[in-house]
Structures are given as structure tokens and as C-alpha cells.
Amino acid sequence: MSLQEFQQAQRITQGFRRRPTDEELLALYGWFKQAQFGDAAGGRPGFWDPKGRRKWDAWHRVRGTPAQEARQKYVEYVKQLQGRYA
């Protein structure tokens, strides 16, 4: 999985005609963050930050995944979504 394919997948998501579901967006977020930054750092956001908690949870679910594999999973997921939203 090349960096160019990963970047192209990011551009594809920006061109979606309809908004993916929250769960789909969270899955994309988790794979993207894992690919870019590795495992989620810091503690889980508190009760008063539900959006931050959901995002952190999505990222934390894919912890331990190597960056190259996370990029591949992100690209594969974008391809799945592309048929529904592009």
C-alpha cells in the first residue's frame, strides 16, 4: 500500500456526495489516526466530551495495528464506502 494510494483515498472521502453514517466515519477516523500516529495516546476523554470519547474509542479499537496495515485497511474501507457515497 503506497502513501499515494492512502492520500488518494483521503481525497475520495472528501468528494462523497452524501455523508457516511457516524459509525462509518468513526471507523475511517480510527484507521486514519492509527496510520498517521500509531496507538492512541493519553487517557480516554471524560464524560462531558462524548464526541471525543467516541473518536478515541474508534482509534483505540485498532491499537497495535502497524501503520502500513492501517493505511491498507483505510483504503479498503474507503473503496467499500465509495460505492455507496461517491
N, C-alpha and C. Protein backbone atom coordinates (compact mmCIF):
# COMPACT_ATOMS: atom_id res chain seq x y z
N MET A 1 0.86 -1.17 0.00
CA MET A 1 0.00 0.00 0.00
C MET A 1 0.90 1.23 0.00
N SER A 2 0.80 2.01 -1.03
CA SER A 2 1.65 3.19 -1.14
C SER A 2 1.02 4.39 -0.43
N LEU A 3 1.87 5.33 -0.11
CA LEU A 3 1.41 6.57 0.51
C LEU A 3 0.48 7.32 -0.45
N GLN A 4 0.76 7.23 -1.75
CA GLN A 4 -0.08 7.90 -2.74
C GLN A 4 -1.50 7.33 -2.75
N GLU A 5 -1.64 6.01 -2.62
CA GLU A 5 -2.97 5.40 -2.55
C GLU A 5 -3.72 5.85 -1.31
N PHE A 6 -3.01 5.96 -0.20
CA PHE A 6 -3.60 6.43 1.05
C PHE A 6 -4.09 7.86 0.89
N GLN A 7 -3.26 8.71 0.30
CA GLN A 7 -3.64 10.10 0.09
C GLN A 7 -4.81 10.22 -0.89
N GLN A 8 -4.81 9.38 -1.92
CA GLN A 8 -5.91 9.37 -2.88
C GLN A 8 -7.22 8.97 -2.19
N ALA A 9 -7.15 8.00 -1.29
CA ALA A 9 -8.34 7.58 -0.55
C ALA A 9 -8.88 8.73 0.30
N GLN A 10 -7.99 9.52 0.87
CA GLN A 10 -8.42 10.69 1.65
C GLN A 10 -9.18 11.67 0.76
N ARG A 11 -8.67 11.89 -0.44
CA ARG A 11 -9.34 12.80 -1.37
C ARG A 11 -10.71 12.26 -1.79
N ILE A 12 -10.79 10.95 -1.95
CA ILE A 12 -12.08 10.34 -2.33
C ILE A 12 -13.13 10.62 -1.27
N THR A 13 -12.76 10.49 0.00
CA THR A 13 -13.75 10.74 1.07
C THR A 13 -14.25 12.18 1.05
N GLN A 14 -13.41 13.09 0.66
CA GLN A 14 -13.82 14.50 0.60
C GLN A 14 -14.80 14.75 -0.54
N GLY A 15 -14.83 13.84 -1.51
CA GLY A 15 -15.72 14.01 -2.65
C GLY A 15 -17.02 13.24 -2.54
N PHE A 16 -17.27 12.59 -1.41
CA PHE A 16 -18.52 11.87 -1.25
C PHE A 16 -19.70 12.82 -1.41
N ARG A 17 -20.72 12.39 -2.16
CA ARG A 17 -21.90 13.23 -2.37
C ARG A 17 -22.82 13.23 -1.16
N ARG A 18 -22.82 12.12 -0.43
CA ARG A 18 -23.62 12.03 0.79
C ARG A 18 -22.69 11.75 1.95
N ARG A 19 -23.15 12.09 3.15
CA ARG A 19 -22.35 11.88 4.35
C ARG A 19 -22.50 10.43 4.82
N PRO A 20 -21.37 9.74 5.05
CA PRO A 20 -21.46 8.39 5.63
C PRO A 20 -22.04 8.45 7.03
N THR A 21 -22.47 7.31 7.53
CA THR A 21 -23.03 7.24 8.88
C THR A 21 -21.94 7.59 9.91
N ASP A 22 -22.39 7.90 11.11
CA ASP A 22 -21.44 8.20 12.17
C ASP A 22 -20.49 7.03 12.42
N GLU A 23 -21.03 5.82 12.41
CA GLU A 23 -20.19 4.64 12.65
C GLU A 23 -19.15 4.47 11.54
N GLU A 24 -19.54 4.72 10.31
CA GLU A 24 -18.59 4.62 9.19
C GLU A 24 -17.51 5.69 9.31
N LEU A 25 -17.92 6.89 9.68
CA LEU A 25 -16.94 7.97 9.86
C LEU A 25 -15.98 7.66 11.00
N LEU A 26 -16.49 7.07 12.08
CA LEU A 26 -15.63 6.71 13.19
C LEU A 26 -14.63 5.62 12.80
N ALA A 27 -15.07 4.66 12.00
CA ALA A 27 -14.15 3.62 11.54
C ALA A 27 -13.04 4.24 10.68
N LEU A 28 -13.42 5.14 9.77
CA LEU A 28 -12.41 5.83 8.96
C LEU A 28 -11.44 6.60 9.85
N TYR A 29 -11.98 7.29 10.83
CA TYR A 29 -11.16 8.07 11.75
C TYR A 29 -10.14 7.17 12.47
N GLY A 30 -10.61 6.04 12.98
CA GLY A 30 -9.71 5.14 13.70
C GLY A 30 -8.57 4.64 12.84
N TRP A 31 -8.89 4.19 11.63
CA TRP A 31 -7.84 3.70 10.73
C TRP A 31 -6.89 4.82 10.33
N PHE A 32 -7.44 6.01 10.05
CA PHE A 32 -6.61 7.14 9.66
C PHE A 32 -5.63 7.52 10.77
N LYS A 33 -6.14 7.68 11.98
CA LYS A 33 -5.29 8.07 13.10
C LYS A 33 -4.22 7.01 13.40
N GLN A 34 -4.60 5.74 13.30
CA GLN A 34 -3.62 4.67 13.55
C GLN A 34 -2.53 4.71 12.49
N ALA A 35 -2.91 4.95 11.24
CA ALA A 35 -1.94 5.01 10.15
C ALA A 35 -0.99 6.19 10.31
N GLN A 36 -1.51 7.31 10.78
CA GLN A 36 -0.72 8.53 10.88
C GLN A 36 0.09 8.64 12.17
N PHE A 37 -0.49 8.18 13.29
CA PHE A 37 0.12 8.46 14.58
C PHE A 37 0.39 7.24 15.45
N GLY A 38 -0.03 6.06 15.03
CA GLY A 38 0.15 4.88 15.87
C GLY A 38 -0.93 4.80 16.94
N ASP A 39 -0.66 4.05 17.99
CA ASP A 39 -1.66 3.81 19.03
C ASP A 39 -2.11 5.11 19.70
N ALA A 40 -3.39 5.11 20.10
CA ALA A 40 -3.98 6.27 20.78
C ALA A 40 -3.20 6.55 22.06
N ALA A 41 -2.82 7.79 22.22
CA ALA A 41 -2.05 8.19 23.41
C ALA A 41 -2.97 8.91 24.38
N GLY A 42 -2.56 8.95 25.62
CA GLY A 42 -3.34 9.67 26.62
C GLY A 42 -4.55 8.88 27.06
N GLY A 43 -5.26 9.45 27.97
CA GLY A 43 -6.44 8.78 28.50
C GLY A 43 -7.67 9.06 27.67
N ARG A 44 -8.66 8.26 27.93
CA ARG A 44 -9.95 8.43 27.26
C ARG A 44 -10.60 9.72 27.73
N PRO A 45 -11.13 10.53 26.81
CA PRO A 45 -11.80 11.76 27.23
C PRO A 45 -12.94 11.48 28.21
N GLY A 46 -13.24 12.48 28.99
CA GLY A 46 -14.22 12.32 30.05
C GLY A 46 -15.67 12.33 29.58
N PHE A 47 -16.53 12.13 30.53
CA PHE A 47 -17.97 12.03 30.31
C PHE A 47 -18.53 13.24 29.57
N TRP A 48 -17.99 14.41 29.82
CA TRP A 48 -18.53 15.64 29.23
C TRP A 48 -18.05 15.87 27.81
N ASP A 49 -17.29 14.94 27.26
CA ASP A 49 -16.81 15.04 25.88
C ASP A 49 -17.21 13.77 25.12
N PRO A 50 -18.51 13.57 24.88
CA PRO A 50 -18.94 12.32 24.24
C PRO A 50 -18.38 12.14 22.83
N LYS A 51 -18.26 13.20 22.07
CA LYS A 51 -17.70 13.10 20.72
C LYS A 51 -16.23 12.67 20.79
N GLY A 52 -15.48 13.27 21.68
CA GLY A 52 -14.08 12.90 21.87
C GLY A 52 -13.94 11.45 22.32
N ARG A 53 -14.84 11.00 23.17
CA ARG A 53 -14.80 9.61 23.65
C ARG A 53 -15.04 8.63 22.50
N ARG A 54 -16.03 8.94 21.65
CA ARG A 54 -16.33 8.04 20.52
C ARG A 54 -15.15 7.98 19.55
N LYS A 55 -14.54 9.13 19.30
CA LYS A 55 -13.39 9.16 18.40
C LYS A 55 -12.21 8.39 19.00
N TRP A 56 -11.95 8.62 20.30
CA TRP A 56 -10.86 7.93 20.96
C TRP A 56 -11.10 6.42 20.95
N ASP A 57 -12.35 6.00 21.22
CA ASP A 57 -12.69 4.58 21.21
C ASP A 57 -12.46 3.96 19.84
N ALA A 58 -12.83 4.67 18.78
CA ALA A 58 -12.63 4.16 17.41
C ALA A 58 -11.15 3.98 17.13
N TRP A 59 -10.34 4.89 17.57
CA TRP A 59 -8.89 4.81 17.37
C TRP A 59 -8.31 3.71 18.25
N HIS A 60 -8.76 3.64 19.49
CA HIS A 60 -8.24 2.65 20.43
C HIS A 60 -8.57 1.21 20.00
N ARG A 61 -9.70 1.03 19.30
CA ARG A 61 -10.10 -0.32 18.83
C ARG A 61 -9.07 -0.92 17.88
N VAL A 62 -8.33 -0.09 17.17
CA VAL A 62 -7.38 -0.62 16.18
C VAL A 62 -5.93 -0.54 16.68
N ARG A 63 -5.78 -0.33 18.00
CA ARG A 63 -4.43 -0.23 18.57
C ARG A 63 -3.62 -1.49 18.24
N GLY A 64 -2.34 -1.30 18.10
CA GLY A 64 -1.45 -2.41 17.80
C GLY A 64 -1.32 -2.71 16.32
N THR A 65 -2.14 -2.09 15.50
CA THR A 65 -2.07 -2.31 14.05
C THR A 65 -0.90 -1.49 13.50
N PRO A 66 0.01 -2.13 12.78
CA PRO A 66 1.12 -1.38 12.18
C PRO A 66 0.60 -0.33 11.18
N ALA A 67 1.34 0.75 11.03
CA ALA A 67 0.92 1.87 10.18
C ALA A 67 0.61 1.41 8.75
N GLN A 68 1.45 0.56 8.18
CA GLN A 68 1.23 0.10 6.80
C GLN A 68 -0.09 -0.65 6.68
N GLU A 69 -0.38 -1.50 7.64
CA GLU A 69 -1.63 -2.26 7.62
C GLU A 69 -2.84 -1.33 7.84
N ALA A 70 -2.68 -0.35 8.73
CA ALA A 70 -3.76 0.61 8.98
C ALA A 70 -4.06 1.41 7.71
N ARG A 71 -3.02 1.80 6.97
CA ARG A 71 -3.25 2.51 5.69
C ARG A 71 -4.02 1.63 4.73
N GLN A 72 -3.64 0.36 4.66
CA GLN A 72 -4.32 -0.58 3.77
C GLN A 72 -5.78 -0.73 4.17
N LYS A 73 -6.05 -0.89 5.45
CA LYS A 73 -7.43 -1.03 5.93
C LYS A 73 -8.24 0.22 5.61
N TYR A 74 -7.64 1.38 5.77
CA TYR A 74 -8.31 2.65 5.47
C TYR A 74 -8.69 2.69 3.99
N VAL A 75 -7.75 2.37 3.12
CA VAL A 75 -8.00 2.40 1.67
C VAL A 75 -9.08 1.40 1.30
N GLU A 76 -9.02 0.20 1.85
CA GLU A 76 -10.04 -0.82 1.56
C GLU A 76 -11.42 -0.35 2.01
N TYR A 77 -11.50 0.28 3.18
CA TYR A 77 -12.78 0.74 3.69
C TYR A 77 -13.33 1.89 2.84
N VAL A 78 -12.45 2.77 2.40
CA VAL A 78 -12.88 3.86 1.52
C VAL A 78 -13.45 3.28 0.23
N LYS A 79 -12.82 2.25 -0.31
CA LYS A 79 -13.32 1.62 -1.54
C LYS A 79 -14.71 1.04 -1.32
N GLN A 80 -14.96 0.45 -0.15
CA GLN A 80 -16.29 -0.08 0.17
C GLN A 80 -17.32 1.04 0.21
N LEU A 81 -16.96 2.13 0.85
CA LEU A 81 -17.87 3.25 1.01
C LEU A 81 -18.09 4.01 -0.30
N GLN A 82 -17.10 3.98 -1.15
CA GLN A 82 -17.16 4.72 -2.41
C GLN A 82 -18.37 4.31 -3.24
N GLY A 83 -18.70 3.05 -3.24
CA GLY A 83 -19.85 2.58 -4.00
C GLY A 83 -21.17 3.14 -3.50
N ARG A 84 -21.24 3.45 -2.21
CA ARG A 84 -22.47 3.98 -1.62
C ARG A 84 -22.56 5.49 -1.62
N TYR A 85 -21.43 6.15 -1.54
CA TYR A 85 -21.45 7.59 -1.29
C TYR A 85 -20.83 8.45 -2.39
N ALA A 86 -20.11 7.86 -3.31
CA ALA A 86 -19.44 8.67 -4.34
C ALA A 86 -20.36 8.92 -5.53
